C-alpha atoms as a PDB file:
ATOM      1  CA  MET A   1      -9.243  -9.235  -5.053  1.00  0.00           C
ATOM      2  CA  LYS A   2      -5.719 -10.322  -6.508  1.00  0.00           C
ATOM      3  CA  ILE A   3      -3.546  -7.567  -7.870  1.00  0.00           C
ATOM      4  CA  GLY A   4      -0.291  -7.937  -9.996  1.00  0.00           C
ATOM      5  CA  LEU A   5       2.644  -5.952  -9.648  1.00  0.00           C
ATOM      6  CA  ILE A   6       5.905  -5.114 -11.821  1.00  0.00           C
ATOM      7  CA  TYR A   7       8.743  -5.363  -9.844  1.00  0.00           C
ATOM      8  CA  ARG A   8      12.285  -5.532 -11.377  1.00  0.00           C
ATOM      9  CA  ARG A   9      10.748  -7.122 -14.732  1.00  0.00           C
ATOM     10  CA  LYS A  10       9.061  -9.672 -12.831  1.00  0.00           C
ATOM     11  CA  LYS A  11       5.375  -9.912 -11.904  1.00  0.00           C
ATOM     12  CA  ILE A  12       4.357 -10.395  -8.051  1.00  0.00           C
ATOM     13  CA  TYR A  13       0.759 -11.059  -6.738  1.00  0.00           C
ATOM     14  CA  ILE A  14      -0.758  -9.802  -3.711  1.00  0.00           C
ATOM     15  CA  GLN A  15      -3.683 -11.598  -2.309  1.00  0.00           C
ATOM     16  CA  ASN A  16      -6.473 -10.501  -0.558  1.00  0.00           C
ATOM     17  CA  VAL A  17      -6.690  -6.887  -1.781  1.00  0.00           C
ATOM     18  CA  ARG A  18      -9.466  -4.616  -0.562  1.00  0.00           C
ATOM     19  CA  LYS A  19     -10.538  -1.798  -2.919  1.00  0.00           C
ATOM     20  CA  LEU A  20     -11.509   0.854  -0.898  1.00  0.00           C
ATOM     21  CA  SER A  21     -14.374   3.489  -1.602  1.00  0.00           C
ATOM     22  CA  GLU A  22     -14.119   6.918  -1.396  1.00  0.00           C
ATOM     23  CA  PHE A  23     -15.241   6.864   2.405  1.00  0.00           C
ATOM     24  CA  GLY A  24     -12.938   4.144   2.841  1.00  0.00           C
ATOM     25  CA  LYS A  25      -9.841   6.240   1.256  1.00  0.00           C
ATOM     26  CA  GLY A  26     -10.355   8.229   4.077  1.00  0.00           C
ATOM     27  CA  VAL A  27      -9.776   5.532   6.827  1.00  0.00           C
ATOM     28  CA  GLY A  28      -7.346   3.033   5.507  1.00  0.00           C
ATOM     29  CA  LEU A  29      -5.671   0.959   7.996  1.00  0.00           C
ATOM     30  CA  MET A  30      -6.722   3.302  10.783  1.00  0.00           C
ATOM     31  CA  PHE A  31      -8.063   1.384  14.004  1.00  0.00           C
ATOM     32  CA  LYS A  32      -7.598  -2.306  12.272  1.00  0.00           C
ATOM     33  CA  ARG A  33      -5.930  -5.175  13.894  1.00  0.00           C
ATOM     34  CA  LYS A  34      -2.439  -6.102  12.407  1.00  0.00           C
ATOM     35  CA  GLU A  35      -3.307  -9.626  11.556  1.00  0.00           C
ATOM     36  CA  LYS A  36      -6.430  -9.577  10.763  1.00  0.00           C
ATOM     37  CA  CYS A  37      -6.226  -6.392   8.289  1.00  0.00           C
ATOM     38  CA  PRO A  38      -6.163  -7.069   4.380  1.00  0.00           C
ATOM     39  CA  ALA A  39      -3.951  -5.047   1.887  1.00  0.00           C
ATOM     40  CA  MET A  40      -5.931  -2.112   0.996  1.00  0.00           C
ATOM     41  CA  LEU A  41      -6.248  -0.431  -2.403  1.00  0.00           C
ATOM     42  CA  PHE A  42      -6.558   3.143  -3.041  1.00  0.00           C
ATOM     43  CA  GLU A  43      -7.329   3.799  -7.079  1.00  0.00           C
ATOM     44  CA  PHE A  44      -7.730   7.054  -8.814  1.00  0.00           C
ATOM     45  CA  THR A  45      -9.147   8.096 -12.027  1.00  0.00           C
ATOM     46  CA  CYS A  46      -6.064  10.749 -12.825  1.00  0.00           C
ATOM     47  CA  PRO A  47      -2.642  10.829 -11.487  1.00  0.00           C
ATOM     48  CA  THR A  48      -2.645  12.385  -8.071  1.00  0.00           C
ATOM     49  CA  LYS A  49       0.076  13.241  -5.472  1.00  0.00           C
ATOM     50  CA  MET A  50      -1.985  12.746  -2.364  1.00  0.00           C
ATOM     51  CA  LYS A  51      -0.162  12.770   0.730  1.00  0.00           C
ATOM     52  CA  ILE A  52      -1.275  10.221   3.501  1.00  0.00           C
ATOM     53  CA  HIS A  53      -0.506   9.485   7.190  1.00  0.00           C
ATOM     54  CA  SER A  54      -0.476   6.800   9.798  1.00  0.00           C
ATOM     55  CA  LEU A  55      -1.997   8.128  12.788  1.00  0.00           C
ATOM     56  CA  PHE A  56      -4.252   5.777  14.466  1.00  0.00           C
ATOM     57  CA  VAL A  57      -2.497   2.845  12.467  1.00  0.00           C
ATOM     58  CA  PHE A  58      -0.875   0.726  15.581  1.00  0.00           C
ATOM     59  CA  PHE A  59       1.523  -1.506  13.233  1.00  0.00           C
ATOM     60  CA  PRO A  60       3.891  -0.785  10.347  1.00  0.00           C
ATOM     61  CA  PHE A  61       2.912  -1.143   6.607  1.00  0.00           C
ATOM     62  CA  ALA A  62       4.107  -1.251   3.337  1.00  0.00           C
ATOM     63  CA  ALA A  63       3.416   1.842   1.106  1.00  0.00           C
ATOM     64  CA  ILE A  64       3.537   0.880  -2.458  1.00  0.00           C
ATOM     65  CA  TRP A  65       3.015   3.558  -4.897  1.00  0.00           C
ATOM     66  CA  LEU A  66       1.930   2.184  -8.661  1.00  0.00           C
ATOM     67  CA  ASP A  67       1.452   3.802 -12.514  1.00  0.00           C
ATOM     68  CA  ASP A  68      -1.328   3.288 -14.712  1.00  0.00           C
ATOM     69  CA  LYS A  69       0.231  -0.184 -15.838  1.00  0.00           C
ATOM     70  CA  ASN A  70       0.669  -1.426 -11.877  1.00  0.00           C
ATOM     71  CA  ARG A  71       4.644  -0.686 -12.138  1.00  0.00           C
ATOM     72  CA  ILE A  72       6.406   0.051  -8.824  1.00  0.00           C
ATOM     73  CA  ILE A  73       6.924   3.962  -8.788  1.00  0.00           C
ATOM     74  CA  GLU A  74       8.007   4.144  -4.975  1.00  0.00           C
ATOM     75  CA  LYS A  75       7.858   1.888  -2.172  1.00  0.00           C
ATOM     76  CA  LYS A  76       8.282   2.825   1.975  1.00  0.00           C
ATOM     77  CA  ILE A  77       7.757   0.935   5.162  1.00  0.00           C
ATOM     78  CA  VAL A  78       5.610   3.131   7.236  1.00  0.00           C
ATOM     79  CA  ARG A  79       6.139   3.209  11.092  1.00  0.00           C
ATOM     80  CA  PRO A  80       2.968   4.121  13.312  1.00  0.00           C
ATOM     81  CA  PHE A  81       2.218   7.836  13.837  1.00  0.00           C
ATOM     82  CA  ARG A  82       3.708   9.508  11.246  1.00  0.00           C
ATOM     83  CA  LEU A  83       1.996  12.651  10.195  1.00  0.00           C
ATOM     84  CA  ILE A  84       3.263  12.946   6.364  1.00  0.00           C
ATOM     85  CA  ILE A  85       4.012  10.247   4.052  1.00  0.00           C
ATOM     86  CA  SER A  86       4.453  11.288   0.041  1.00  0.00           C
ATOM     87  CA  CYS A  87       5.318  10.114  -3.206  1.00  0.00           C
ATOM     88  CA  ARG A  88       7.922  12.007  -5.022  1.00  0.00           C
ATOM     89  CA  LYS A  89       5.935  11.480  -8.179  1.00  0.00           C
ATOM     90  CA  SER A  90       2.262  11.330  -9.615  1.00  0.00           C
ATOM     91  CA  PHE A  91       0.541   7.757  -9.082  1.00  0.00           C
ATOM     92  CA  TYR A  92      -2.743   6.186  -9.891  1.00  0.00           C
ATOM     93  CA  LYS A  93      -2.906   3.429  -7.044  1.00  0.00           C
ATOM     94  CA  LEU A  94      -1.460   3.217  -3.576  1.00  0.00           C
ATOM     95  CA  ILE A  95      -1.653  -0.402  -1.941  1.00  0.00           C
ATOM     96  CA  GLU A  96      -1.143  -0.440   1.788  1.00  0.00           C
ATOM     97  CA  ILE A  97       0.112  -4.008   3.223  1.00  0.00           C
ATOM     98  CA  PRO A  98       0.059  -4.510   6.683  1.00  0.00           C
ATOM     99  CA  VAL A  99       3.261  -5.959   7.911  1.00  0.00           C
ATOM    100  CA  ASN A 100       1.865  -9.586   9.143  1.00  0.00           C
ATOM    101  CA  LYS A 101       2.541 -13.222   8.858  1.00  0.00           C
ATOM    102  CA  LYS A 102       0.023 -13.224   5.883  1.00  0.00           C
ATOM    103  CA  TYR A 103       1.895 -10.789   3.750  1.00  0.00           C
ATOM    104  CA  CYS A 104       5.606 -11.509   5.344  1.00  0.00           C
ATOM    105  CA  ARG A 105       6.758 -12.995   2.318  1.00  0.00           C
ATOM    106  CA  LYS A 106       5.879 -10.662  -0.153  1.00  0.00           C
ATOM    107  CA  ILE A 107       7.085  -7.743   1.717  1.00  0.00           C
ATOM    108  CA  LYS A 108      10.528  -9.375   2.119  1.00  0.00           C
ATOM    109  CA  LEU A 109      10.358 -10.071  -1.895  1.00  0.00           C
ATOM    110  CA  LEU A 110       9.462  -6.188  -2.152  1.00  0.00           C
ATOM    111  CA  PHE A 111      12.234  -5.086   0.332  1.00  0.00           C
ATOM    112  CA  LYS A 112      15.058  -7.266  -0.116  1.00  0.00           C
ATOM    113  CA  LYS A 113      18.379  -5.320  -1.456  1.00  0.00           C
END
């Protein structure tokens, strides 16, 4: 699956995004391998302020929170084994993108100053 994000009035496409089931939302990137792992999409039907963690994720990843129109609300690089990571605003979607060779260019584009 491919998803388009709106960032600074530009559309950025992320390839190979896996939409997660309800069970998959509980697991996310845990116990995955850095180079083989796809980006993960957490989709919610109503706005939420759910917190995430990076316990048992052995590599850094980008967490990108989106509104209902795929506009970026907040973004963070999350280090392994952090207990609580949250977004200040309510969101509809969360994308977890592993920091690996496959997504390196997109992450640099999203996090450049």
